[in-house]
């Protein structure tokens, strides 16, 4: 696992490695890069890679606004795709919106807006999301993903739909590596043959 901690006094600048460069008078603080015949704009910073069709780079602020077919990759742990994204090189905080899809080795998360704190190695959404693994589909209004432990925490209107059962719960912790899930609060597990009620459980 890569180490993402850094000396606060030494901020590495976002590095734009490809793209057609232009400067607009109406945007004096931004340098604009656009995809060219060689491919998309390509950006690297502190262990991540980013591709997009166009990037507005604010050099003084170490900040990027990325537009069009955005893809952010952190090693072999997390990949995010979206229509639009922002990335702050100083705080290592990313924001993605518009058809957001985040994949990690065993699950796929789909949502409209996603925040990713690379220092804490946590991604979260507040406007509803769906997580799909090989066996189930999980939905919730609020969710958080902990990359280091590969744990999802789902809050508010949580539901799991599996061919064999359906789970409804106010809070559920799901570990993608093992497939284990912990239920908190008044929950139900409904199958073809039974209905189970519990306030705390594991399966």
N, C-alpha and C. Protein backbone atom coordinates (compact mmCIF):
# COMPACT_ATOMS: atom_id res chain seq x y z
N UNK A 1 0.85 -1.19 0.00
CA UNK A 1 0.00 0.00 0.00
C UNK A 1 0.89 1.24 0.00
N UNK A 2 0.56 2.20 -0.87
CA UNK A 2 1.32 3.42 -0.92
C UNK A 2 1.11 4.25 0.33
N UNK A 3 2.12 4.97 0.76
CA UNK A 3 1.98 5.90 1.88
C UNK A 3 1.58 7.26 1.32
N UNK A 4 0.50 7.83 1.86
CA UNK A 4 -0.01 9.08 1.32
C UNK A 4 0.26 10.27 2.22
N UNK A 5 0.93 10.04 3.34
CA UNK A 5 1.27 11.16 4.22
C UNK A 5 2.40 11.97 3.60
N UNK A 6 2.41 13.27 3.90
CA UNK A 6 3.48 14.09 3.37
C UNK A 6 3.78 15.22 4.34
N UNK A 7 4.94 15.82 4.20
CA UNK A 7 5.32 16.97 5.01
C UNK A 7 4.47 18.16 4.58
N UNK A 8 3.68 18.74 5.51
CA UNK A 8 2.83 19.86 5.14
C UNK A 8 3.58 21.03 4.54
N UNK A 9 4.86 21.15 4.85
CA UNK A 9 5.64 22.25 4.34
C UNK A 9 6.16 22.01 2.93
N UNK A 10 6.02 20.82 2.42
CA UNK A 10 6.53 20.48 1.10
C UNK A 10 5.39 19.93 0.24
N UNK A 11 4.69 20.83 -0.45
CA UNK A 11 3.57 20.44 -1.29
C UNK A 11 4.06 20.21 -2.71
N UNK A 12 3.87 19.02 -3.20
CA UNK A 12 4.27 18.72 -4.56
C UNK A 12 3.25 19.28 -5.53
N UNK A 13 3.70 19.91 -6.59
CA UNK A 13 2.81 20.51 -7.56
C UNK A 13 2.20 19.45 -8.48
N UNK A 14 0.98 19.71 -8.88
CA UNK A 14 0.33 18.86 -9.87
C UNK A 14 1.12 18.94 -11.17
N UNK A 15 1.38 17.80 -11.81
CA UNK A 15 2.24 17.72 -12.99
C UNK A 15 1.39 17.35 -14.21
N UNK A 16 1.28 18.30 -15.16
CA UNK A 16 0.54 18.03 -16.40
C UNK A 16 1.53 17.54 -17.44
N UNK A 17 1.34 16.30 -17.89
CA UNK A 17 2.35 15.68 -18.75
C UNK A 17 1.97 15.65 -20.23
N UNK A 18 0.70 15.90 -20.56
CA UNK A 18 0.32 15.97 -21.96
C UNK A 18 -0.96 16.77 -22.11
N UNK A 19 -1.18 17.31 -23.31
CA UNK A 19 -2.35 18.12 -23.60
C UNK A 19 -1.96 19.38 -24.34
N UNK A 20 -2.89 19.92 -25.12
CA UNK A 20 -2.67 21.16 -25.87
C UNK A 20 -2.85 22.34 -24.94
N UNK A 21 -1.85 23.20 -24.86
CA UNK A 21 -1.83 24.30 -23.90
C UNK A 21 -2.39 25.57 -24.51
N UNK A 22 -3.26 26.27 -23.74
CA UNK A 22 -3.72 27.59 -24.16
C UNK A 22 -3.97 28.44 -22.92
N UNK A 23 -3.92 29.76 -23.12
CA UNK A 23 -4.16 30.72 -22.04
C UNK A 23 -5.23 31.70 -22.52
N UNK A 24 -6.25 31.92 -21.67
CA UNK A 24 -7.33 32.85 -22.02
C UNK A 24 -7.25 34.09 -21.14
N UNK A 25 -7.42 35.24 -21.76
CA UNK A 25 -7.31 36.50 -21.03
C UNK A 25 -8.35 36.60 -19.93
N UNK A 26 -9.55 36.04 -20.20
CA UNK A 26 -10.62 36.14 -19.21
C UNK A 26 -10.40 35.22 -18.01
N UNK A 27 -9.40 34.32 -18.11
CA UNK A 27 -9.06 33.43 -17.00
C UNK A 27 -7.56 33.55 -16.71
N UNK A 28 -7.14 34.67 -16.17
CA UNK A 28 -5.70 34.92 -16.00
C UNK A 28 -5.01 33.98 -15.02
N UNK A 29 -5.77 33.37 -14.11
CA UNK A 29 -5.16 32.50 -13.11
C UNK A 29 -5.08 31.04 -13.55
N UNK A 30 -5.69 30.74 -14.69
CA UNK A 30 -5.78 29.34 -15.13
C UNK A 30 -4.98 29.10 -16.41
N UNK A 31 -4.37 27.93 -16.46
CA UNK A 31 -3.76 27.43 -17.68
C UNK A 31 -4.64 26.29 -18.17
N UNK A 32 -5.02 26.32 -19.44
CA UNK A 32 -5.99 25.35 -19.96
C UNK A 32 -5.29 24.34 -20.85
N UNK A 33 -5.55 23.08 -20.58
CA UNK A 33 -5.01 21.99 -21.39
C UNK A 33 -6.18 21.23 -22.00
N UNK A 34 -6.07 20.91 -23.30
CA UNK A 34 -7.14 20.21 -24.02
C UNK A 34 -6.54 18.99 -24.70
N UNK A 35 -7.33 17.93 -24.79
CA UNK A 35 -6.84 16.71 -25.45
C UNK A 35 -6.44 17.03 -26.89
N UNK A 36 -5.47 16.29 -27.40
CA UNK A 36 -5.02 16.48 -28.77
C UNK A 36 -4.98 15.15 -29.49
N UNK A 37 -4.34 15.10 -30.63
CA UNK A 37 -4.33 13.87 -31.45
C UNK A 37 -3.62 12.71 -30.75
N UNK A 38 -2.81 13.00 -29.75
CA UNK A 38 -2.11 11.92 -29.04
C UNK A 38 -2.96 11.31 -27.93
N UNK A 39 -4.04 11.99 -27.55
CA UNK A 39 -4.89 11.44 -26.51
C UNK A 39 -5.37 12.49 -25.53
N UNK A 40 -5.89 12.05 -24.39
CA UNK A 40 -6.43 12.95 -23.39
C UNK A 40 -5.34 13.71 -22.64
N UNK A 41 -5.75 14.73 -21.92
CA UNK A 41 -4.86 15.42 -20.99
C UNK A 41 -4.46 14.42 -19.90
N UNK A 42 -3.19 14.39 -19.57
CA UNK A 42 -2.67 13.42 -18.59
C UNK A 42 -1.98 14.17 -17.46
N UNK A 43 -2.42 13.90 -16.22
CA UNK A 43 -1.93 14.61 -15.04
C UNK A 43 -1.50 13.59 -13.99
N UNK A 44 -0.41 13.86 -13.29
CA UNK A 44 0.02 12.98 -12.21
C UNK A 44 0.30 13.81 -10.96
N UNK A 45 0.07 13.18 -9.80
CA UNK A 45 0.37 13.85 -8.55
C UNK A 45 0.37 12.86 -7.39
N UNK A 46 1.49 12.73 -6.71
CA UNK A 46 1.59 12.00 -5.45
C UNK A 46 0.90 10.63 -5.47
N UNK A 47 1.18 9.83 -6.51
CA UNK A 47 0.64 8.48 -6.53
C UNK A 47 -0.68 8.31 -7.23
N UNK A 48 -1.22 9.38 -7.84
CA UNK A 48 -2.42 9.21 -8.66
C UNK A 48 -2.14 9.65 -10.08
N UNK A 49 -2.97 9.14 -10.99
CA UNK A 49 -2.95 9.56 -12.39
C UNK A 49 -4.35 10.03 -12.75
N UNK A 50 -4.44 11.05 -13.60
CA UNK A 50 -5.73 11.59 -14.02
C UNK A 50 -5.72 11.81 -15.53
N UNK A 51 -6.83 11.43 -16.16
CA UNK A 51 -7.03 11.69 -17.58
C UNK A 51 -8.34 12.45 -17.75
N UNK A 52 -8.39 13.37 -18.71
CA UNK A 52 -9.63 14.09 -19.00
C UNK A 52 -9.52 14.73 -20.38
N UNK A 53 -10.67 15.22 -20.90
CA UNK A 53 -10.66 15.87 -22.21
C UNK A 53 -10.15 17.30 -22.14
N UNK A 54 -10.41 17.95 -20.99
CA UNK A 54 -9.93 19.32 -20.81
C UNK A 54 -9.68 19.58 -19.33
N UNK A 55 -8.61 20.31 -19.03
CA UNK A 55 -8.27 20.62 -17.64
C UNK A 55 -7.97 22.10 -17.49
N UNK A 56 -8.56 22.71 -16.48
CA UNK A 56 -8.22 24.07 -16.07
C UNK A 56 -7.30 23.94 -14.86
N UNK A 57 -6.07 24.36 -15.02
CA UNK A 57 -5.07 24.19 -13.97
C UNK A 57 -4.74 25.55 -13.36
N UNK A 58 -4.98 25.65 -12.06
CA UNK A 58 -4.69 26.89 -11.33
C UNK A 58 -3.38 26.67 -10.58
N UNK A 59 -2.30 27.12 -11.19
CA UNK A 59 -0.97 26.78 -10.71
C UNK A 59 -0.69 27.33 -9.32
N UNK A 60 -1.11 28.57 -9.04
CA UNK A 60 -0.84 29.17 -7.73
C UNK A 60 -1.54 28.39 -6.61
N UNK A 61 -2.72 27.88 -6.92
CA UNK A 61 -3.52 27.16 -5.91
C UNK A 61 -3.27 25.65 -5.94
N UNK A 62 -2.49 25.19 -6.93
CA UNK A 62 -2.23 23.74 -7.06
C UNK A 62 -3.56 22.98 -7.18
N UNK A 63 -4.42 23.48 -8.06
CA UNK A 63 -5.80 23.02 -8.15
C UNK A 63 -6.17 22.76 -9.61
N UNK A 64 -6.94 21.68 -9.83
CA UNK A 64 -7.33 21.29 -11.19
C UNK A 64 -8.84 21.12 -11.28
N UNK A 65 -9.43 21.65 -12.35
CA UNK A 65 -10.81 21.34 -12.71
C UNK A 65 -10.74 20.52 -14.00
N UNK A 66 -11.29 19.31 -13.97
CA UNK A 66 -11.19 18.39 -15.10
C UNK A 66 -12.57 18.16 -15.71
N UNK A 67 -12.64 18.20 -17.03
CA UNK A 67 -13.91 18.07 -17.75
C UNK A 67 -13.83 16.96 -18.79
N UNK A 68 -14.89 16.19 -18.91
CA UNK A 68 -15.04 15.25 -20.01
C UNK A 68 -14.29 13.94 -19.86
N UNK A 69 -15.05 12.85 -19.68
CA UNK A 69 -14.48 11.51 -19.59
C UNK A 69 -13.31 11.46 -18.60
N UNK A 70 -13.57 11.95 -17.40
CA UNK A 70 -12.52 12.03 -16.38
C UNK A 70 -12.27 10.66 -15.78
N UNK A 71 -11.00 10.34 -15.62
CA UNK A 71 -10.61 9.09 -14.95
C UNK A 71 -9.47 9.39 -13.98
N UNK A 72 -9.66 9.00 -12.72
CA UNK A 72 -8.62 9.17 -11.69
C UNK A 72 -8.27 7.79 -11.15
N UNK A 73 -6.99 7.45 -11.18
CA UNK A 73 -6.54 6.12 -10.78
C UNK A 73 -5.50 6.26 -9.67
N UNK A 74 -5.73 5.53 -8.58
CA UNK A 74 -4.76 5.45 -7.49
C UNK A 74 -4.22 4.03 -7.44
N UNK A 75 -3.07 3.84 -8.03
CA UNK A 75 -2.44 2.51 -8.05
C UNK A 75 -3.40 1.43 -8.49
N UNK A 76 -3.41 0.32 -7.75
CA UNK A 76 -4.33 -0.77 -8.06
C UNK A 76 -5.47 -0.83 -7.05
N UNK A 77 -5.71 0.30 -6.34
CA UNK A 77 -6.70 0.27 -5.28
C UNK A 77 -8.04 0.89 -5.66
N UNK A 78 -8.02 2.07 -6.29
CA UNK A 78 -9.25 2.79 -6.58
C UNK A 78 -9.16 3.44 -7.96
N UNK A 79 -10.26 3.33 -8.73
CA UNK A 79 -10.42 4.05 -9.99
C UNK A 79 -11.74 4.78 -9.97
N UNK A 80 -11.73 6.08 -10.29
CA UNK A 80 -12.95 6.87 -10.36
C UNK A 80 -13.14 7.42 -11.77
N UNK A 81 -14.37 7.31 -12.29
CA UNK A 81 -14.72 7.89 -13.58
C UNK A 81 -15.90 8.83 -13.38
N UNK A 82 -15.90 9.94 -14.12
CA UNK A 82 -16.98 10.91 -13.97
C UNK A 82 -16.98 11.87 -15.15
N UNK A 83 -18.03 12.70 -15.21
CA UNK A 83 -18.09 13.73 -16.24
C UNK A 83 -17.22 14.93 -15.88
N UNK A 84 -17.09 15.17 -14.56
CA UNK A 84 -16.36 16.34 -14.08
C UNK A 84 -15.67 15.99 -12.77
N UNK A 85 -14.52 16.62 -12.51
CA UNK A 85 -13.83 16.40 -11.24
C UNK A 85 -12.99 17.61 -10.87
N UNK A 86 -12.75 17.77 -9.58
CA UNK A 86 -11.83 18.77 -9.07
C UNK A 86 -10.79 18.06 -8.20
N UNK A 87 -9.57 18.58 -8.23
CA UNK A 87 -8.53 17.97 -7.41
C UNK A 87 -7.63 19.05 -6.84
N UNK A 88 -7.44 19.01 -5.53
CA UNK A 88 -6.56 19.95 -4.84
C UNK A 88 -5.26 19.24 -4.49
N UNK A 89 -4.17 19.70 -5.10
CA UNK A 89 -2.89 19.04 -4.87
C UNK A 89 -2.33 19.26 -3.48
N UNK A 90 -2.72 20.35 -2.82
CA UNK A 90 -2.21 20.62 -1.47
C UNK A 90 -2.90 19.74 -0.42
N UNK A 91 -4.22 19.59 -0.53
CA UNK A 91 -4.96 18.79 0.45
C UNK A 91 -5.16 17.36 0.00
N UNK A 92 -4.87 17.07 -1.28
CA UNK A 92 -5.09 15.75 -1.89
C UNK A 92 -6.56 15.33 -1.75
N UNK A 93 -7.44 16.28 -1.97
CA UNK A 93 -8.88 16.04 -1.88
C UNK A 93 -9.48 16.14 -3.27
N UNK A 94 -10.27 15.12 -3.64
CA UNK A 94 -10.89 15.08 -4.97
C UNK A 94 -12.41 15.12 -4.84
N UNK A 95 -13.05 15.76 -5.82
CA UNK A 95 -14.50 15.83 -5.90
C UNK A 95 -14.88 15.42 -7.32
N UNK A 96 -15.84 14.52 -7.45
CA UNK A 96 -16.29 14.07 -8.77
C UNK A 96 -17.80 14.17 -8.86
N UNK A 97 -18.31 14.53 -10.03
CA UNK A 97 -19.75 14.63 -10.22
C UNK A 97 -20.14 14.24 -11.64
N UNK A 98 -21.38 13.79 -11.77
CA UNK A 98 -21.91 13.41 -13.07
C UNK A 98 -21.55 11.99 -13.46
N UNK A 99 -22.49 11.08 -13.27
CA UNK A 99 -22.27 9.67 -13.65
C UNK A 99 -20.98 9.10 -13.05
N UNK A 100 -20.84 9.26 -11.75
CA UNK A 100 -19.61 8.82 -11.07
C UNK A 100 -19.63 7.31 -10.88
N UNK A 101 -18.53 6.68 -11.25
CA UNK A 101 -18.35 5.24 -11.04
C UNK A 101 -16.99 5.04 -10.38
N UNK A 102 -17.00 4.47 -9.18
CA UNK A 102 -15.75 4.15 -8.50
C UNK A 102 -15.62 2.64 -8.40
N UNK A 103 -14.49 2.12 -8.82
CA UNK A 103 -14.26 0.68 -8.73
C UNK A 103 -13.05 0.40 -7.85
N UNK A 104 -13.16 -0.65 -7.07
CA UNK A 104 -12.04 -1.22 -6.35
C UNK A 104 -12.05 -2.70 -6.69
N UNK A 105 -11.07 -3.47 -6.25
CA UNK A 105 -10.94 -4.83 -6.79
C UNK A 105 -12.20 -5.69 -6.81
N UNK A 106 -13.13 -5.53 -5.84
CA UNK A 106 -14.26 -6.45 -5.78
C UNK A 106 -15.64 -5.80 -5.87
N UNK A 107 -15.70 -4.46 -5.94
CA UNK A 107 -17.00 -3.81 -5.99
C UNK A 107 -16.98 -2.62 -6.95
N UNK A 108 -18.20 -2.20 -7.34
CA UNK A 108 -18.38 -1.00 -8.15
C UNK A 108 -19.40 -0.11 -7.47
N UNK A 109 -19.04 1.16 -7.27
CA UNK A 109 -19.93 2.14 -6.66
C UNK A 109 -20.39 3.12 -7.73
N UNK A 110 -21.71 3.36 -7.78
CA UNK A 110 -22.27 4.33 -8.71
C UNK A 110 -23.03 5.39 -7.92
N UNK A 111 -22.76 6.67 -8.21
CA UNK A 111 -23.43 7.77 -7.55
C UNK A 111 -23.34 8.99 -8.43
N UNK A 112 -24.01 10.07 -8.03
CA UNK A 112 -23.96 11.30 -8.81
C UNK A 112 -22.84 12.22 -8.36
N UNK A 113 -22.49 12.16 -7.08
CA UNK A 113 -21.45 13.02 -6.52
C UNK A 113 -20.62 12.24 -5.51
N UNK A 114 -19.30 12.31 -5.64
CA UNK A 114 -18.43 11.56 -4.75
C UNK A 114 -17.25 12.42 -4.32
N UNK A 115 -16.90 12.32 -3.03
CA UNK A 115 -15.75 13.02 -2.47
C UNK A 115 -14.71 11.98 -2.07
N UNK A 116 -13.44 12.29 -2.33
CA UNK A 116 -12.37 11.34 -2.00
C UNK A 116 -11.23 12.07 -1.31
N UNK A 117 -11.02 11.75 -0.04
CA UNK A 117 -9.93 12.31 0.76
C UNK A 117 -8.77 11.34 0.71
N UNK A 118 -7.72 11.67 -0.03
CA UNK A 118 -6.62 10.74 -0.22
C UNK A 118 -5.73 10.64 1.02
N UNK A 119 -5.70 11.67 1.84
CA UNK A 119 -4.93 11.61 3.08
C UNK A 119 -5.54 10.58 4.02
N UNK A 120 -6.86 10.65 4.20
CA UNK A 120 -7.56 9.71 5.06
C UNK A 120 -7.89 8.40 4.35
N UNK A 121 -7.75 8.39 3.03
CA UNK A 121 -8.09 7.21 2.22
C UNK A 121 -9.57 6.83 2.42
N UNK A 122 -10.43 7.85 2.30
CA UNK A 122 -11.87 7.66 2.44
C UNK A 122 -12.60 8.36 1.31
N UNK A 123 -13.60 7.67 0.76
CA UNK A 123 -14.50 8.26 -0.24
C UNK A 123 -15.91 8.25 0.33
N UNK A 124 -16.70 9.29 0.04
CA UNK A 124 -18.05 9.31 0.60
C UNK A 124 -19.03 10.03 -0.33
N UNK A 125 -20.31 9.66 -0.18
CA UNK A 125 -21.38 10.33 -0.93
C UNK A 125 -22.53 10.63 0.02
N UNK A 126 -23.36 11.61 -0.36
CA UNK A 126 -24.47 12.04 0.50
C UNK A 126 -25.78 12.12 -0.26
N UNK A 127 -25.77 11.81 -1.55
CA UNK A 127 -26.96 12.00 -2.38
C UNK A 127 -27.48 10.70 -2.97
N UNK A 128 -27.14 9.59 -2.32
CA UNK A 128 -27.61 8.30 -2.81
C UNK A 128 -26.57 7.59 -3.65
N UNK A 129 -26.42 6.29 -3.39
CA UNK A 129 -25.43 5.52 -4.14
C UNK A 129 -25.80 4.06 -4.20
N UNK A 130 -25.21 3.37 -5.17
CA UNK A 130 -25.42 1.93 -5.36
C UNK A 130 -24.07 1.24 -5.45
N UNK A 131 -23.91 0.17 -4.67
CA UNK A 131 -22.68 -0.63 -4.72
C UNK A 131 -23.04 -2.03 -5.18
N UNK A 132 -22.30 -2.51 -6.17
CA UNK A 132 -22.56 -3.82 -6.75
C UNK A 132 -21.34 -4.70 -6.56
N UNK A 133 -21.57 -5.90 -6.00
CA UNK A 133 -20.50 -6.90 -5.96
C UNK A 133 -20.98 -8.12 -6.73
N UNK A 134 -20.28 -9.22 -6.62
CA UNK A 134 -20.61 -10.38 -7.43
C UNK A 134 -21.96 -11.00 -7.07
N UNK A 135 -22.43 -10.77 -5.83
CA UNK A 135 -23.65 -11.45 -5.38
C UNK A 135 -24.82 -10.52 -5.10
N UNK A 136 -24.56 -9.25 -4.76
CA UNK A 136 -25.62 -8.39 -4.26
C UNK A 136 -25.52 -6.98 -4.82
N UNK A 137 -26.64 -6.25 -4.67
CA UNK A 137 -26.70 -4.83 -4.96
C UNK A 137 -27.09 -4.11 -3.68
N UNK A 138 -26.28 -3.15 -3.25
CA UNK A 138 -26.52 -2.40 -2.02
C UNK A 138 -26.82 -0.95 -2.36
N UNK A 139 -27.88 -0.40 -1.77
CA UNK A 139 -28.21 1.01 -1.99
C UNK A 139 -28.36 1.71 -0.65
N UNK A 140 -28.04 3.00 -0.63
CA UNK A 140 -28.21 3.82 0.58
C UNK A 140 -28.19 5.29 0.18
N UNK A 141 -28.69 6.12 1.08
CA UNK A 141 -28.67 7.57 0.81
C UNK A 141 -27.30 8.15 1.10
N UNK A 142 -26.63 7.64 2.14
CA UNK A 142 -25.30 8.12 2.53
C UNK A 142 -24.36 6.92 2.60
N UNK A 143 -23.15 7.09 2.13
CA UNK A 143 -22.20 5.99 2.20
C UNK A 143 -20.76 6.48 2.28
N UNK A 144 -19.92 5.66 2.89
CA UNK A 144 -18.50 5.98 3.01
C UNK A 144 -17.68 4.73 2.75
N UNK A 145 -16.57 4.89 2.02
CA UNK A 145 -15.68 3.77 1.73
C UNK A 145 -14.32 4.04 2.34
N UNK A 146 -13.82 3.07 3.11
CA UNK A 146 -12.50 3.14 3.73
C UNK A 146 -11.55 2.25 2.92
N UNK A 147 -10.67 2.87 2.16
CA UNK A 147 -9.85 2.12 1.22
C UNK A 147 -8.87 1.17 1.91
N UNK A 148 -8.33 1.57 3.05
CA UNK A 148 -7.31 0.76 3.69
C UNK A 148 -7.87 -0.55 4.26
N UNK A 149 -9.13 -0.51 4.73
CA UNK A 149 -9.76 -1.73 5.27
C UNK A 149 -10.77 -2.34 4.31
N UNK A 150 -10.97 -1.67 3.16
CA UNK A 150 -11.95 -2.12 2.15
C UNK A 150 -13.34 -2.30 2.78
N UNK A 151 -13.70 -1.31 3.57
CA UNK A 151 -14.97 -1.33 4.29
C UNK A 151 -15.89 -0.23 3.76
N UNK A 152 -17.16 -0.60 3.54
CA UNK A 152 -18.19 0.38 3.24
C UNK A 152 -19.05 0.57 4.49
N UNK A 153 -19.42 1.81 4.75
CA UNK A 153 -20.39 2.09 5.81
C UNK A 153 -21.58 2.79 5.15
N UNK A 154 -22.75 2.15 5.22
CA UNK A 154 -23.96 2.67 4.60
C UNK A 154 -24.89 3.21 5.68
N UNK A 155 -25.45 4.39 5.45
CA UNK A 155 -26.35 5.03 6.40
C UNK A 155 -27.61 5.50 5.68
N UNK A 156 -28.75 5.35 6.33
CA UNK A 156 -30.03 5.89 5.87
C UNK A 156 -30.58 5.15 4.65
N UNK A 157 -31.73 4.51 4.86
CA UNK A 157 -32.43 3.79 3.78
C UNK A 157 -31.54 2.75 3.10
N UNK A 158 -30.90 1.94 3.92
CA UNK A 158 -29.98 0.93 3.38
C UNK A 158 -30.77 -0.31 2.95
N UNK A 159 -30.45 -0.80 1.76
CA UNK A 159 -31.09 -2.03 1.29
C UNK A 159 -30.07 -2.87 0.53
N UNK A 160 -30.12 -4.18 0.79
CA UNK A 160 -29.33 -5.15 0.02
C UNK A 160 -30.30 -6.06 -0.71
N UNK A 161 -30.10 -6.20 -2.00
CA UNK A 161 -30.92 -7.13 -2.79
C UNK A 161 -30.00 -8.21 -3.33
N UNK A 162 -30.33 -9.44 -2.95
CA UNK A 162 -29.58 -10.64 -3.33
C UNK A 162 -30.59 -11.64 -3.88
N UNK A 163 -30.21 -12.50 -4.81
CA UNK A 163 -31.17 -13.48 -5.32
C UNK A 163 -31.86 -14.32 -4.24
N UNK A 164 -31.19 -14.47 -3.08
CA UNK A 164 -31.75 -15.33 -2.04
C UNK A 164 -32.46 -14.56 -0.93
N UNK A 165 -32.22 -13.25 -0.80
CA UNK A 165 -32.83 -12.49 0.30
C UNK A 165 -32.77 -11.00 0.02
N UNK A 166 -33.52 -10.24 0.83
CA UNK A 166 -33.48 -8.77 0.80
C UNK A 166 -33.30 -8.27 2.23
N UNK A 167 -32.38 -7.34 2.41
CA UNK A 167 -32.10 -6.77 3.73
C UNK A 167 -32.44 -5.29 3.73
N UNK A 168 -33.13 -4.85 4.79
CA UNK A 168 -33.38 -3.42 5.00
C UNK A 168 -32.87 -3.03 6.38
N UNK A 169 -32.11 -1.92 6.45
CA UNK A 169 -31.49 -1.55 7.72
C UNK A 169 -31.18 -0.05 7.72
N UNK A 170 -31.18 0.59 8.90
CA UNK A 170 -30.77 2.00 8.96
C UNK A 170 -29.25 2.19 8.83
N UNK A 171 -28.48 1.17 9.19
CA UNK A 171 -27.02 1.24 9.05
C UNK A 171 -26.46 -0.14 8.80
N UNK A 172 -25.50 -0.20 7.88
CA UNK A 172 -24.87 -1.47 7.55
C UNK A 172 -23.41 -1.24 7.21
N UNK A 173 -22.52 -2.04 7.80
CA UNK A 173 -21.10 -2.03 7.46
C UNK A 173 -20.80 -3.26 6.62
N UNK A 174 -20.17 -3.04 5.47
CA UNK A 174 -19.92 -4.14 4.54
C UNK A 174 -18.44 -4.18 4.20
N UNK A 175 -17.83 -5.36 4.34
CA UNK A 175 -16.41 -5.55 4.03
C UNK A 175 -16.29 -6.26 2.68
N UNK A 176 -15.83 -5.54 1.67
CA UNK A 176 -15.84 -6.09 0.31
C UNK A 176 -14.87 -7.26 0.15
N UNK A 177 -13.80 -7.28 0.93
CA UNK A 177 -12.81 -8.35 0.80
C UNK A 177 -13.39 -9.70 1.22
N UNK A 178 -14.17 -9.72 2.30
CA UNK A 178 -14.72 -10.97 2.84
C UNK A 178 -16.18 -11.18 2.50
N UNK A 179 -16.89 -10.09 2.16
CA UNK A 179 -18.31 -10.19 1.91
C UNK A 179 -19.15 -10.15 3.18
N UNK A 180 -18.52 -9.97 4.33
CA UNK A 180 -19.24 -9.92 5.60
C UNK A 180 -19.95 -8.59 5.80
N UNK A 181 -21.13 -8.63 6.46
CA UNK A 181 -21.91 -7.42 6.70
C UNK A 181 -22.41 -7.39 8.13
N UNK A 182 -22.37 -6.21 8.74
CA UNK A 182 -22.87 -6.00 10.11
C UNK A 182 -24.07 -5.06 10.05
N UNK A 183 -25.16 -5.45 10.70
CA UNK A 183 -26.38 -4.65 10.74
C UNK A 183 -26.49 -3.92 12.07
N UNK A 184 -26.96 -2.65 12.02
CA UNK A 184 -27.16 -1.86 13.23
C UNK A 184 -28.54 -1.20 13.16
N UNK A 185 -29.30 -1.27 14.26
CA UNK A 185 -30.63 -0.70 14.28
C UNK A 185 -31.68 -1.72 13.83
N UNK A 186 -32.95 -1.30 13.81
CA UNK A 186 -34.04 -2.20 13.48
C UNK A 186 -33.95 -2.62 12.02
N UNK A 187 -33.63 -3.91 11.82
CA UNK A 187 -33.36 -4.43 10.49
C UNK A 187 -34.22 -5.66 10.20
N UNK A 188 -34.42 -5.92 8.92
CA UNK A 188 -35.15 -7.12 8.50
C UNK A 188 -34.36 -7.83 7.41
N UNK A 189 -34.40 -9.16 7.46
CA UNK A 189 -33.83 -10.00 6.41
C UNK A 189 -34.95 -10.90 5.91
N UNK A 190 -35.35 -10.72 4.67
CA UNK A 190 -36.50 -11.44 4.11
C UNK A 190 -36.04 -12.38 3.01
N UNK A 191 -36.38 -13.67 3.16
CA UNK A 191 -36.12 -14.66 2.12
C UNK A 191 -37.44 -15.31 1.71
N UNK A 192 -37.39 -16.27 0.80
CA UNK A 192 -38.62 -16.94 0.36
C UNK A 192 -39.27 -17.73 1.49
N UNK A 193 -38.47 -18.17 2.44
CA UNK A 193 -39.01 -19.05 3.49
C UNK A 193 -39.12 -18.41 4.87
N UNK A 194 -38.50 -17.23 5.07
CA UNK A 194 -38.52 -16.66 6.42
C UNK A 194 -38.32 -15.16 6.41
N UNK A 195 -38.68 -14.55 7.53
CA UNK A 195 -38.41 -13.13 7.78
C UNK A 195 -37.75 -13.01 9.15
N UNK A 196 -36.59 -12.39 9.20
CA UNK A 196 -35.84 -12.25 10.44
C UNK A 196 -35.79 -10.77 10.81
N UNK A 197 -36.11 -10.48 12.09
CA UNK A 197 -36.02 -9.12 12.62
C UNK A 197 -34.87 -9.07 13.63
N UNK A 198 -34.08 -8.01 13.56
CA UNK A 198 -33.00 -7.88 14.54
C UNK A 198 -32.62 -6.41 14.69
N UNK A 199 -31.95 -6.09 15.78
CA UNK A 199 -31.44 -4.74 15.99
C UNK A 199 -29.91 -4.69 15.89
N UNK A 200 -29.31 -5.85 15.80
CA UNK A 200 -27.87 -5.94 15.59
C UNK A 200 -27.57 -7.34 15.09
N UNK A 201 -26.83 -7.44 14.02
CA UNK A 201 -26.59 -8.78 13.48
C UNK A 201 -25.42 -8.80 12.52
N UNK A 202 -25.01 -10.01 12.17
CA UNK A 202 -23.91 -10.23 11.23
C UNK A 202 -24.28 -11.37 10.31
N UNK A 203 -23.90 -11.23 9.05
CA UNK A 203 -24.10 -12.38 8.14
C UNK A 203 -23.05 -12.34 7.05
